[in-house]
């Protein structure tokens, strides 16, 4: 039987982050596979690697955690001050969520966001709202549009329908962390002055865009609902159905779409001859 190369590669990546998992793999512990059906040949192939190789880089987890915290900076600052410690965050790399998600090929940032959500106490609503915003911004960094036959969010775009964080104050707080050097070093320093989580007056939809840096802007509720629908993609001949479901005129829908295409928020479907729909294709009938 041929070795499942992709499955084996993902197992090896997991072994680089979790020493206990390395012990389980070399000990042929069934729990090492979680829900991965590696056959005997694949397991032999994995164990043919010198296990000392997995302990060469002792600080891989710390560097990876540092990179993840740069995407969840303000959340991590508030979490570490009031609810947990760095050891709890490092435990992510030994969690079942990490192992199962990595084996499925999921984004490390999204796995970390789900892990953090599980760390937040049930009554810490403001902290959870902050995590939702930073998880959306992290998702924008990793999002790549696939399939060219539908209206879809463009690369580097993500939507949050009920943002409860004041964006202007949030960006100002983030800038203060960045101005003092490494944001992660600042958030780990208890001497750094940390202000309360900036709350918005009412929840609003926001769109996050990742270019050279991640930005976010507030949307109207109509815009938020339409962009959320675009997350799954909308065929051009189904726009009227989407407009009806959202209670929006189809002409208004197309006006929004064409404006967002020009702004790089939405990608238009390609016609058969290979060009995207554009302003000349607008229909008002």
C-alpha atoms as a PDB file:
ATOM      1  CA  UNK A   1       0.000   0.000   0.000  1.00  0.00           C
ATOM      2  CA  UNK A   2       1.332   3.453  -0.922  1.00  0.00           C
ATOM      3  CA  UNK A   3       2.255   5.832   1.875  1.00  0.00           C
ATOM      4  CA  UNK A   4      -0.167   8.727   2.346  1.00  0.00           C
ATOM      5  CA  UNK A   5       2.460  11.441   1.894  1.00  0.00           C
ATOM      6  CA  UNK A   6       0.247  14.375   2.910  1.00  0.00           C
ATOM      7  CA  UNK A   7      -0.916  12.650   6.097  1.00  0.00           C
ATOM      8  CA  UNK A   8       2.664  11.713   6.988  1.00  0.00           C
ATOM      9  CA  UNK A   9       3.913  15.260   6.395  1.00  0.00           C
ATOM     10  CA  UNK A  10       1.251  16.651   8.715  1.00  0.00           C
ATOM     11  CA  UNK A  11       2.139  14.130  11.409  1.00  0.00           C
ATOM     12  CA  UNK A  12       5.790  15.208  11.147  1.00  0.00           C
ATOM     13  CA  UNK A  13       4.800  18.872  11.509  1.00  0.00           C
ATOM     14  CA  UNK A  14       2.833  18.052  14.655  1.00  0.00           C
ATOM     15  CA  UNK A  15       5.838  16.189  16.036  1.00  0.00           C
ATOM     16  CA  UNK A  16       7.971  19.313  15.682  1.00  0.00           C
ATOM     17  CA  UNK A  17       5.717  21.123  18.165  1.00  0.00           C
ATOM     18  CA  UNK A  18       4.793  18.529  20.765  1.00  0.00           C
ATOM     19  CA  UNK A  19       7.448  16.367  22.524  1.00  0.00           C
ATOM     20  CA  UNK A  20       4.766  14.222  24.151  1.00  0.00           C
ATOM     21  CA  UNK A  21       3.367  13.452  20.715  1.00  0.00           C
ATOM     22  CA  UNK A  22       6.857  12.418  19.581  1.00  0.00           C
ATOM     23  CA  UNK A  23       7.028   9.957  22.485  1.00  0.00           C
ATOM     24  CA  UNK A  24       3.609   8.582  21.577  1.00  0.00           C
ATOM     25  CA  UNK A  25       4.524   8.134  17.901  1.00  0.00           C
ATOM     26  CA  UNK A  26       7.774   6.314  18.608  1.00  0.00           C
ATOM     27  CA  UNK A  27       6.045   4.254  21.260  1.00  0.00           C
ATOM     28  CA  UNK A  28       3.349   3.263  18.754  1.00  0.00           C
ATOM     29  CA  UNK A  29       0.699   4.619  21.106  1.00  0.00           C
ATOM     30  CA  UNK A  30      -2.680   4.514  19.277  1.00  0.00           C
ATOM     31  CA  UNK A  31      -3.558   7.911  20.795  1.00  0.00           C
ATOM     32  CA  UNK A  32      -0.736   9.424  18.756  1.00  0.00           C
ATOM     33  CA  UNK A  33      -2.832   9.093  15.645  1.00  0.00           C
ATOM     34  CA  UNK A  34      -5.940  10.796  17.031  1.00  0.00           C
ATOM     35  CA  UNK A  35      -8.389  10.403  14.135  1.00  0.00           C
ATOM     36  CA  UNK A  36      -5.687   9.854  11.474  1.00  0.00           C
ATOM     37  CA  UNK A  37      -5.852   6.363   9.914  1.00  0.00           C
ATOM     38  CA  UNK A  38      -2.125   5.914   9.247  1.00  0.00           C
ATOM     39  CA  UNK A  39      -1.412   2.399   8.088  1.00  0.00           C
ATOM     40  CA  UNK A  40       1.511   0.322   9.360  1.00  0.00           C
ATOM     41  CA  UNK A  41       3.780   1.315   6.454  1.00  0.00           C
ATOM     42  CA  UNK A  42       3.125   5.020   7.049  1.00  0.00           C
ATOM     43  CA  UNK A  43       3.877   4.622  10.761  1.00  0.00           C
ATOM     44  CA  UNK A  44       7.128   2.827   9.959  1.00  0.00           C
ATOM     45  CA  UNK A  45       8.054   5.646   7.573  1.00  0.00           C
ATOM     46  CA  UNK A  46       7.407   8.275  10.248  1.00  0.00           C
ATOM     47  CA  UNK A  47       9.473   6.408  12.835  1.00  0.00           C
ATOM     48  CA  UNK A  48      12.365   6.016  10.373  1.00  0.00           C
ATOM     49  CA  UNK A  49      13.226   9.670  11.061  1.00  0.00           C
ATOM     50  CA  UNK A  50      15.863  10.099  13.771  1.00  0.00           C
ATOM     51  CA  UNK A  51      13.775  11.268  16.731  1.00  0.00           C
ATOM     52  CA  UNK A  52      16.581  13.574  17.866  1.00  0.00           C
ATOM     53  CA  UNK A  53      15.729  15.784  14.893  1.00  0.00           C
ATOM     54  CA  UNK A  54      12.516  16.838  16.608  1.00  0.00           C
ATOM     55  CA  UNK A  55      14.380  18.225  19.611  1.00  0.00           C
ATOM     56  CA  UNK A  56      17.014  20.276  17.766  1.00  0.00           C
ATOM     57  CA  UNK A  57      15.011  23.513  17.750  1.00  0.00           C
ATOM     58  CA  UNK A  58      14.046  23.968  21.381  1.00  0.00           C
ATOM     59  CA  UNK A  59      12.406  27.338  20.817  1.00  0.00           C
ATOM     60  CA  UNK A  60      10.185  26.533  17.849  1.00  0.00           C
ATOM     61  CA  UNK A  61       7.015  26.682  19.950  1.00  0.00           C
ATOM     62  CA  UNK A  62       8.038  29.964  21.559  1.00  0.00           C
ATOM     63  CA  UNK A  63       8.745  31.581  18.184  1.00  0.00           C
ATOM     64  CA  UNK A  64       5.505  30.265  16.740  1.00  0.00           C
ATOM     65  CA  UNK A  65       3.573  31.491  19.768  1.00  0.00           C
ATOM     66  CA  UNK A  66       5.212  34.893  19.367  1.00  0.00           C
ATOM     67  CA  UNK A  67       4.047  35.070  15.734  1.00  0.00           C
ATOM     68  CA  UNK A  68       0.518  34.043  16.716  1.00  0.00           C
ATOM     69  CA  UNK A  69       0.357  36.635  19.492  1.00  0.00           C
ATOM     70  CA  UNK A  70       1.226  39.342  16.969  1.00  0.00           C
ATOM     71  CA  UNK A  71      -2.149  38.535  15.388  1.00  0.00           C
ATOM     72  CA  UNK A  72      -4.026  38.530  18.709  1.00  0.00           C
ATOM     73  CA  UNK A  73      -2.038  41.235  20.455  1.00  0.00           C
ATOM     74  CA  UNK A  74      -4.642  43.200  22.361  1.00  0.00           C
ATOM     75  CA  UNK A  75      -6.594  40.092  23.311  1.00  0.00           C
ATOM     76  CA  UNK A  76      -3.428  38.418  24.615  1.00  0.00           C
ATOM     77  CA  UNK A  77      -2.520  41.501  26.632  1.00  0.00           C
ATOM     78  CA  UNK A  78      -5.879  41.533  28.432  1.00  0.00           C
ATOM     79  CA  UNK A  79      -6.012  37.756  28.792  1.00  0.00           C
ATOM     80  CA  UNK A  80      -2.561  37.495  30.349  1.00  0.00           C
ATOM     81  CA  UNK A  81      -3.258  40.341  32.755  1.00  0.00           C
ATOM     82  CA  UNK A  82      -6.495  38.934  34.067  1.00  0.00           C
ATOM     83  CA  UNK A  83      -7.058  35.282  33.302  1.00  0.00           C
ATOM     84  CA  UNK A  84      -4.079  33.148  32.315  1.00  0.00           C
ATOM     85  CA  UNK A  85      -0.370  32.819  31.748  1.00  0.00           C
ATOM     86  CA  UNK A  86       2.044  32.070  28.922  1.00  0.00           C
ATOM     87  CA  UNK A  87       2.152  28.369  29.839  1.00  0.00           C
ATOM     88  CA  UNK A  88      -1.572  28.133  29.120  1.00  0.00           C
ATOM     89  CA  UNK A  89      -1.009  29.665  25.683  1.00  0.00           C
ATOM     90  CA  UNK A  90       1.925  27.374  24.925  1.00  0.00           C
ATOM     91  CA  UNK A  91      -0.261  24.392  25.809  1.00  0.00           C
ATOM     92  CA  UNK A  92      -2.070  25.080  22.525  1.00  0.00           C
ATOM     93  CA  UNK A  93       0.623  23.086  20.700  1.00  0.00           C
ATOM     94  CA  UNK A  94      -0.237  19.989  22.741  1.00  0.00           C
ATOM     95  CA  UNK A  95      -4.010  20.341  22.494  1.00  0.00           C
ATOM     96  CA  UNK A  96      -6.305  17.983  20.613  1.00  0.00           C
ATOM     97  CA  UNK A  97      -7.591  20.972  18.644  1.00  0.00           C
ATOM     98  CA  UNK A  98      -4.096  21.722  17.380  1.00  0.00           C
ATOM     99  CA  UNK A  99      -3.361  18.117  16.434  1.00  0.00           C
ATOM    100  CA  UNK A 100      -6.670  17.341  14.759  1.00  0.00           C
ATOM    101  CA  UNK A 101      -6.811  20.700  12.987  1.00  0.00           C
ATOM    102  CA  UNK A 102      -3.254  20.492  11.683  1.00  0.00           C
ATOM    103  CA  UNK A 103      -3.922  16.972  10.446  1.00  0.00           C
ATOM    104  CA  UNK A 104      -6.885  18.330   8.489  1.00  0.00           C
ATOM    105  CA  UNK A 105      -4.692  21.071   7.021  1.00  0.00           C
ATOM    106  CA  UNK A 106      -6.474  23.955   8.757  1.00  0.00           C
ATOM    107  CA  UNK A 107      -5.006  27.406   9.326  1.00  0.00           C
ATOM    108  CA  UNK A 108      -2.819  27.686  12.430  1.00  0.00           C
ATOM    109  CA  UNK A 109      -4.307  31.120  13.208  1.00  0.00           C
ATOM    110  CA  UNK A 110      -7.875  29.824  13.105  1.00  0.00           C
ATOM    111  CA  UNK A 111      -6.963  26.843  15.278  1.00  0.00           C
ATOM    112  CA  UNK A 112      -5.338  29.196  17.776  1.00  0.00           C
ATOM    113  CA  UNK A 113      -8.416  31.450  17.775  1.00  0.00           C
ATOM    114  CA  UNK A 114     -10.636  28.465  18.626  1.00  0.00           C
ATOM    115  CA  UNK A 115      -8.242  27.425  21.367  1.00  0.00           C
ATOM    116  CA  UNK A 116      -8.252  30.945  22.829  1.00  0.00           C
ATOM    117  CA  UNK A 117     -12.048  30.990  22.765  1.00  0.00           C
ATOM    118  CA  UNK A 118     -11.984  27.908  24.967  1.00  0.00           C
ATOM    119  CA  UNK A 119      -9.651  29.670  27.411  1.00  0.00           C
ATOM    120  CA  UNK A 120     -11.929  32.670  27.956  1.00  0.00           C
ATOM    121  CA  UNK A 121     -14.168  32.456  31.049  1.00  0.00           C
ATOM    122  CA  UNK A 122     -17.889  32.394  30.296  1.00  0.00           C
ATOM    123  CA  UNK A 123     -18.477  35.739  32.014  1.00  0.00           C
ATOM    124  CA  UNK A 124     -15.653  37.570  30.184  1.00  0.00           C
ATOM    125  CA  UNK A 125     -17.905  38.863  27.393  1.00  0.00           C
ATOM    126  CA  UNK A 126     -15.747  41.888  26.536  1.00  0.00           C
ATOM    127  CA  UNK A 127     -12.662  39.716  26.147  1.00  0.00           C
ATOM    128  CA  UNK A 128     -14.550  37.317  23.883  1.00  0.00           C
ATOM    129  CA  UNK A 129     -15.730  40.230  21.725  1.00  0.00           C
ATOM    130  CA  UNK A 130     -12.141  41.426  21.387  1.00  0.00           C
ATOM    131  CA  UNK A 131     -11.072  37.939  20.343  1.00  0.00           C
ATOM    132  CA  UNK A 132     -13.829  37.855  17.691  1.00  0.00           C
ATOM    133  CA  UNK A 133     -12.449  41.030  16.110  1.00  0.00           C
ATOM    134  CA  UNK A 134      -8.823  39.903  16.127  1.00  0.00           C
ATOM    135  CA  UNK A 135      -9.784  36.436  14.864  1.00  0.00           C
ATOM    136  CA  UNK A 136     -11.563  38.100  11.928  1.00  0.00           C
ATOM    137  CA  UNK A 137      -8.480  40.174  11.175  1.00  0.00           C
ATOM    138  CA  UNK A 138      -6.307  37.059  11.370  1.00  0.00           C
ATOM    139  CA  UNK A 139      -8.704  35.251   9.038  1.00  0.00           C
ATOM    140  CA  UNK A 140      -8.377  38.099   6.540  1.00  0.00           C
ATOM    141  CA  UNK A 141      -4.599  37.632   6.509  1.00  0.00           C
ATOM    142  CA  UNK A 142      -4.936  34.016   5.477  1.00  0.00           C
ATOM    143  CA  UNK A 143      -7.981  34.133   3.202  1.00  0.00           C
ATOM    144  CA  UNK A 144      -7.461  33.328  -0.474  1.00  0.00           C
ATOM    145  CA  UNK A 145     -10.385  33.375  -2.870  1.00  0.00           C
ATOM    146  CA  UNK A 146     -11.020  30.174  -4.809  1.00  0.00           C
ATOM    147  CA  UNK A 147     -13.295  29.387  -7.759  1.00  0.00           C
ATOM    148  CA  UNK A 148     -13.761  32.108 -10.348  1.00  0.00           C
ATOM    149  CA  UNK A 149     -17.398  31.515 -11.305  1.00  0.00           C
ATOM    150  CA  UNK A 150     -19.022  33.505  -8.480  1.00  0.00           C
ATOM    151  CA  UNK A 151     -19.035  36.874  -6.786  1.00  0.00           C
ATOM    152  CA  UNK A 152     -16.812  36.303  -3.746  1.00  0.00           C
ATOM    153  CA  UNK A 153     -14.787  38.153  -1.159  1.00  0.00           C
ATOM    154  CA  UNK A 154     -11.397  39.099  -2.588  1.00  0.00           C
ATOM    155  CA  UNK A 155      -8.099  37.810  -1.206  1.00  0.00           C
ATOM    156  CA  UNK A 156      -7.338  39.128   2.265  1.00  0.00           C
ATOM    157  CA  UNK A 157     -10.929  40.050   3.207  1.00  0.00           C
ATOM    158  CA  UNK A 158     -13.077  38.802   6.106  1.00  0.00           C
ATOM    159  CA  UNK A 159     -16.347  39.973   7.670  1.00  0.00           C
ATOM    160  CA  UNK A 160     -17.576  40.148  11.272  1.00  0.00           C
ATOM    161  CA  UNK A 161     -21.304  40.850  11.551  1.00  0.00           C
ATOM    162  CA  UNK A 162     -21.527  41.911  15.211  1.00  0.00           C
ATOM    163  CA  UNK A 163     -18.362  43.745  16.199  1.00  0.00           C
ATOM    164  CA  UNK A 164     -18.758  45.138  19.707  1.00  0.00           C
ATOM    165  CA  UNK A 165     -15.328  46.783  19.870  1.00  0.00           C
ATOM    166  CA  UNK A 166     -14.807  50.457  19.035  1.00  0.00           C
ATOM    167  CA  UNK A 167     -12.552  50.257  15.979  1.00  0.00           C
ATOM    168  CA  UNK A 168     -11.031  53.712  16.326  1.00  0.00           C
ATOM    169  CA  UNK A 169     -10.024  53.150  19.935  1.00  0.00           C
ATOM    170  CA  UNK A 170      -8.878  49.621  19.138  1.00  0.00           C
ATOM    171  CA  UNK A 171      -6.524  50.786  16.371  1.00  0.00           C
ATOM    172  CA  UNK A 172      -5.166  53.509  18.659  1.00  0.00           C
ATOM    173  CA  UNK A 173      -4.479  50.958  21.429  1.00  0.00           C
ATOM    174  CA  UNK A 174      -2.776  48.651  18.939  1.00  0.00           C
ATOM    175  CA  UNK A 175      -0.613  51.492  17.680  1.00  0.00           C
ATOM    176  CA  UNK A 176       0.511  52.277  21.226  1.00  0.00           C
ATOM    177  CA  UNK A 177       1.700  48.682  21.604  1.00  0.00           C
ATOM    178  CA  UNK A 178       3.545  48.823  18.288  1.00  0.00           C
ATOM    179  CA  UNK A 179       5.188  52.168  18.950  1.00  0.00           C
ATOM    180  CA  UNK A 180       7.024  50.844  22.008  1.00  0.00           C
ATOM    181  CA  UNK A 181       8.844  48.126  20.047  1.00  0.00           C
ATOM    182  CA  UNK A 182       7.870  44.485  19.927  1.00  0.00           C
ATOM    183  CA  UNK A 183       4.142  44.330  20.815  1.00  0.00           C
ATOM    184  CA  UNK A 184       4.551  40.887  22.373  1.00  0.00           C
ATOM    185  CA  UNK A 185       7.281  42.115  24.706  1.00  0.00           C
ATOM    186  CA  UNK A 186       5.031  45.019  25.706  1.00  0.00           C
ATOM    187  CA  UNK A 187       2.022  42.852  26.466  1.00  0.00           C
ATOM    188  CA  UNK A 188       4.167  40.521  28.598  1.00  0.00           C
ATOM    189  CA  UNK A 189       5.482  43.461  30.634  1.00  0.00           C
ATOM    190  CA  UNK A 190       3.140  44.203  33.532  1.00  0.00           C
ATOM    191  CA  UNK A 191       4.541  47.733  33.663  1.00  0.00           C
ATOM    192  CA  UNK A 192       2.964  48.532  30.303  1.00  0.00           C
ATOM    193  CA  UNK A 193      -0.196  50.619  30.879  1.00  0.00           C
ATOM    194  CA  UNK A 194      -3.177  48.719  29.535  1.00  0.00           C
ATOM    195  CA  UNK A 195      -6.470  50.539  29.115  1.00  0.00           C
ATOM    196  CA  UNK A 196      -9.907  48.890  29.293  1.00  0.00           C
ATOM    197  CA  UNK A 197     -11.185  47.079  26.214  1.00  0.00           C
ATOM    198  CA  UNK A 198     -12.695  49.743  23.920  1.00  0.00           C
ATOM    199  CA  UNK A 199     -16.418  49.055  23.546  1.00  0.00           C
ATOM    200  CA  UNK A 200     -18.690  50.271  20.777  1.00  0.00           C
ATOM    201  CA  UNK A 201     -22.055  51.824  21.595  1.00  0.00           C
ATOM    202  CA  UNK A 202     -23.840  49.108  19.606  1.00  0.00           C
ATOM    203  CA  UNK A 203     -22.715  46.052  17.605  1.00  0.00           C
ATOM    204  CA  UNK A 204     -21.973  46.818  13.965  1.00  0.00           C
ATOM    205  CA  UNK A 205     -20.727  44.810  10.980  1.00  0.00           C
ATOM    206  CA  UNK A 206     -17.076  45.351  10.025  1.00  0.00           C
ATOM    207  CA  UNK A 207     -14.918  44.264   7.118  1.00  0.00           C
ATOM    208  CA  UNK A 208     -11.248  43.464   7.693  1.00  0.00           C
ATOM    209  CA  UNK A 209      -8.778  43.878   4.835  1.00  0.00           C
ATOM    210  CA  UNK A 210      -5.202  42.601   4.814  1.00  0.00           C
ATOM    211  CA  UNK A 211      -2.792  44.396   2.482  1.00  0.00           C
ATOM    212  CA  UNK A 212       0.586  45.448   3.847  1.00  0.00           C
ATOM    213  CA  UNK A 213      -1.202  45.612   7.207  1.00  0.00           C
ATOM    214  CA  UNK A 214      -4.667  44.702   8.414  1.00  0.00           C
ATOM    215  CA  UNK A 215      -7.312  47.407   8.513  1.00  0.00           C
ATOM    216  CA  UNK A 216     -10.970  47.287   9.476  1.00  0.00           C
ATOM    217  CA  UNK A 217     -13.907  49.555   8.732  1.00  0.00           C
ATOM    218  CA  UNK A 218     -17.488  49.746   9.935  1.00  0.00           C
ATOM    219  CA  UNK A 219     -20.268  48.776   7.504  1.00  0.00           C
ATOM    220  CA  UNK A 220     -23.989  49.384   7.322  1.00  0.00           C
ATOM    221  CA  UNK A 221     -26.115  46.380   8.270  1.00  0.00           C
ATOM    222  CA  UNK A 222     -27.116  45.955   4.621  1.00  0.00           C
ATOM    223  CA  UNK A 223     -23.489  45.922   3.515  1.00  0.00           C
ATOM    224  CA  UNK A 224     -22.570  43.482   6.258  1.00  0.00           C
ATOM    225  CA  UNK A 225     -25.309  41.018   5.318  1.00  0.00           C
ATOM    226  CA  UNK A 226     -24.342  41.178   1.640  1.00  0.00           C
ATOM    227  CA  UNK A 227     -20.625  40.701   2.275  1.00  0.00           C
ATOM    228  CA  UNK A 228     -21.380  37.812   4.645  1.00  0.00           C
ATOM    229  CA  UNK A 229     -23.386  36.163   1.853  1.00  0.00           C
ATOM    230  CA  UNK A 230     -20.399  36.601  -0.458  1.00  0.00           C
ATOM    231  CA  UNK A 231     -18.249  34.531   1.913  1.00  0.00           C
ATOM    232  CA  UNK A 232     -19.828  31.421   0.412  1.00  0.00           C
ATOM    233  CA  UNK A 233     -19.977  32.885  -3.108  1.00  0.00           C
ATOM    234  CA  UNK A 234     -22.967  33.995  -5.203  1.00  0.00           C
ATOM    235  CA  UNK A 235     -23.495  33.108  -8.831  1.00  0.00           C
ATOM    236  CA  UNK A 236     -24.388  36.074 -11.023  1.00  0.00           C
ATOM    237  CA  UNK A 237     -27.675  34.490 -12.067  1.00  0.00           C
ATOM    238  CA  UNK A 238     -28.627  34.077  -8.391  1.00  0.00           C
ATOM    239  CA  UNK A 239     -28.107  37.685  -7.322  1.00  0.00           C
ATOM    240  CA  UNK A 240     -31.838  38.367  -7.515  1.00  0.00           C
ATOM    241  CA  UNK A 241     -32.447  35.570  -4.986  1.00  0.00           C
ATOM    242  CA  UNK A 242     -29.860  37.006  -2.618  1.00  0.00           C
ATOM    243  CA  UNK A 243     -31.347  40.487  -3.011  1.00  0.00           C
ATOM    244  CA  UNK A 244     -34.836  39.171  -2.215  1.00  0.00           C
ATOM    245  CA  UNK A 245     -33.628  37.214   0.816  1.00  0.00           C
ATOM    246  CA  UNK A 246     -31.820  40.259   2.216  1.00  0.00           C
ATOM    247  CA  UNK A 247     -34.646  42.652   1.353  1.00  0.00           C
ATOM    248  CA  UNK A 248     -32.449  44.716  -0.973  1.00  0.00           C
ATOM    249  CA  UNK A 249     -33.153  45.904  -4.491  1.00  0.00           C
ATOM    250  CA  UNK A 250     -31.062  43.978  -7.045  1.00  0.00           C
ATOM    251  CA  UNK A 251     -29.846  47.227  -8.594  1.00  0.00           C
ATOM    252  CA  UNK A 252     -28.540  48.301  -5.185  1.00  0.00           C
ATOM    253  CA  UNK A 253     -26.835  44.922  -4.788  1.00  0.00           C
ATOM    254  CA  UNK A 254     -25.018  45.310  -8.095  1.00  0.00           C
ATOM    255  CA  UNK A 255     -24.018  48.883  -7.243  1.00  0.00           C
ATOM    256  CA  UNK A 256     -22.457  47.652  -3.996  1.00  0.00           C
ATOM    257  CA  UNK A 257     -20.668  44.809  -5.769  1.00  0.00           C
ATOM    258  CA  UNK A 258     -19.168  46.973  -8.480  1.00  0.00           C
ATOM    259  CA  UNK A 259     -17.985  49.533  -5.928  1.00  0.00           C
ATOM    260  CA  UNK A 260     -16.392  46.789  -3.839  1.00  0.00           C
ATOM    261  CA  UNK A 261     -14.702  45.314  -6.914  1.00  0.00           C
ATOM    262  CA  UNK A 262     -13.118  48.716  -7.579  1.00  0.00           C
ATOM    263  CA  UNK A 263     -12.016  48.911  -3.925  1.00  0.00           C
ATOM    264  CA  UNK A 264     -10.541  45.382  -3.960  1.00  0.00           C
ATOM    265  CA  UNK A 265     -13.036  43.995  -1.432  1.00  0.00           C
ATOM    266  CA  UNK A 266     -14.916  41.710  -3.823  1.00  0.00           C
ATOM    267  CA  UNK A 267     -13.837  39.631  -6.799  1.00  0.00           C
ATOM    268  CA  UNK A 268     -16.195  39.461  -9.759  1.00  0.00           C
ATOM    269  CA  UNK A 269     -16.905  36.178 -11.557  1.00  0.00           C
ATOM    270  CA  UNK A 270     -15.022  35.544 -14.760  1.00  0.00           C
ATOM    271  CA  UNK A 271     -16.905  35.249 -18.003  1.00  0.00           C
ATOM    272  CA  UNK A 272     -16.152  32.339 -20.264  1.00  0.00           C
ATOM    273  CA  UNK A 273     -13.811  34.436 -22.372  1.00  0.00           C
ATOM    274  CA  UNK A 274     -11.731  35.020 -19.242  1.00  0.00           C
ATOM    275  CA  UNK A 275     -12.582  38.604 -18.267  1.00  0.00           C
ATOM    276  CA  UNK A 276     -14.330  39.720 -15.107  1.00  0.00           C
ATOM    277  CA  UNK A 277     -17.733  41.321 -15.035  1.00  0.00           C
ATOM    278  CA  UNK A 278     -17.418  45.073 -14.751  1.00  0.00           C
ATOM    279  CA  UNK A 279     -19.372  48.340 -14.892  1.00  0.00           C
ATOM    280  CA  UNK A 280     -20.315  47.788 -18.535  1.00  0.00           C
ATOM    281  CA  UNK A 281     -22.052  44.581 -17.509  1.00  0.00           C
ATOM    282  CA  UNK A 282     -24.373  46.324 -15.068  1.00  0.00           C
ATOM    283  CA  UNK A 283     -28.030  45.529 -15.511  1.00  0.00           C
ATOM    284  CA  UNK A 284     -30.811  47.670 -14.080  1.00  0.00           C
ATOM    285  CA  UNK A 285     -33.696  45.625 -15.306  1.00  0.00           C
END
